[in-house]
Amino acid sequence: MSVEIELFGGPAHGMRVVIEGDPMNPPHTYELLHPPTWRELEHADPNAPVQPRRLLYRREVNSLDEGPGWVYRYEETP
C-alpha cells in the first residue's frame, strides 16, 4: 500500500510524495536526500565530492480540509 504525504518547511517545502505505508498509519518520519544549494557549492572544496544533505520530516495530521491526510514538518538536524 502507499500513501501521499506533503512536506512542510525546509528546502523541500510544498513537495508531495507517495511513500510505502499504511494510509491510516504511515511512517512517523520521512528522510529525503537533497542536493546542496548553490551557496553551499560556492563555498565547498572543489576537489571534494558533493555530499547531499539529509532532510528529516516528522509526521503530523493535516488539519486542513484539502490535500493529503498527512503532512510532514521539517526538523532541523545538526
Protein backbone atom coordinates (compact mmCIF):
# COMPACT_ATOMS: atom_id res chain seq x y z
CA MET A 1 0.00 0.00 0.00
CA SER A 2 1.07 3.58 -0.46
CA VAL A 3 0.04 6.98 0.87
CA GLU A 4 0.51 10.55 -0.38
CA ILE A 5 2.17 12.98 2.04
CA GLU A 6 3.07 16.67 1.83
CA LEU A 7 6.33 18.16 3.16
CA PHE A 8 6.24 21.47 5.06
CA GLY A 9 9.21 23.68 5.82
CA GLY A 10 12.82 23.36 4.83
CA PRO A 11 14.18 23.11 1.28
CA ALA A 12 11.51 20.64 0.11
CA HIS A 13 8.55 22.76 1.27
CA GLY A 14 5.38 22.02 -0.68
CA MET A 15 6.67 18.81 -2.24
CA ARG A 16 4.19 15.94 -2.35
CA VAL A 17 5.50 12.40 -2.41
CA VAL A 18 3.97 8.93 -2.42
CA ILE A 19 5.57 6.59 0.10
CA GLU A 20 5.06 2.96 1.03
CA GLY A 21 2.98 2.50 4.13
CA ASP A 22 -0.45 2.02 5.62
CA PRO A 23 -2.66 5.02 4.69
CA MET A 24 -4.11 5.02 8.23
CA ASN A 25 -0.69 4.84 9.91
CA PRO A 26 2.20 5.91 7.65
CA PRO A 27 5.80 6.05 8.93
CA HIS A 28 6.46 8.61 11.70
CA THR A 29 9.44 10.11 9.89
CA TYR A 30 10.46 10.64 6.28
CA GLU A 31 14.07 11.20 5.27
CA LEU A 32 14.97 12.85 1.99
CA LEU A 33 18.36 13.32 0.34
CA HIS A 34 18.57 16.84 -1.07
CA PRO A 35 21.33 18.35 -3.22
CA PRO A 36 23.31 21.25 -1.74
CA THR A 37 22.30 24.81 -2.57
CA TRP A 38 24.38 26.92 -4.94
CA ARG A 39 25.66 28.90 -1.94
CA GLU A 40 26.91 25.74 -0.27
CA LEU A 41 28.59 24.68 -3.50
CA GLU A 42 30.17 28.10 -3.88
CA HIS A 43 32.00 27.66 -0.55
CA ALA A 44 32.77 23.95 -0.92
CA ASP A 45 36.16 22.44 -1.63
CA PRO A 46 36.37 21.97 -5.44
CA ASN A 47 38.29 18.71 -5.01
CA ALA A 48 35.82 17.14 -2.57
CA PRO A 49 32.81 15.08 -3.70
CA VAL A 50 29.43 16.79 -3.41
CA GLN A 51 27.52 15.47 -0.41
CA PRO A 52 23.71 15.56 -0.42
CA ARG A 53 22.01 16.83 2.72
CA ARG A 54 19.70 14.60 4.73
CA LEU A 55 16.41 16.31 5.47
CA LEU A 56 14.26 14.86 8.25
CA TYR A 57 10.49 15.36 8.36
CA ARG A 58 8.14 14.26 11.17
CA ARG A 59 4.52 13.20 10.66
CA GLU A 60 1.51 15.30 11.72
CA VAL A 61 -2.17 15.01 10.91
CA ASN A 62 -3.26 17.51 8.25
CA SER A 63 -5.68 19.89 9.95
CA LEU A 64 -6.83 21.40 6.64
CA ASP A 65 -9.83 20.11 4.70
CA GLU A 66 -7.83 19.80 1.49
CA GLY A 67 -4.72 17.95 0.42
CA PRO A 68 -3.32 14.68 1.75
CA GLY A 69 -4.34 13.38 5.17
CA TRP A 70 -0.77 13.52 6.48
CA VAL A 71 1.80 16.31 6.44
CA TYR A 72 5.42 16.06 7.46
CA ARG A 73 7.13 19.06 9.12
CA TYR A 74 10.81 19.80 8.62
CA GLU A 75 13.03 19.13 11.60
CA GLU A 76 16.41 20.87 11.77
CA THR A 77 19.28 18.42 12.10
CA PRO A 78 22.80 19.36 13.16
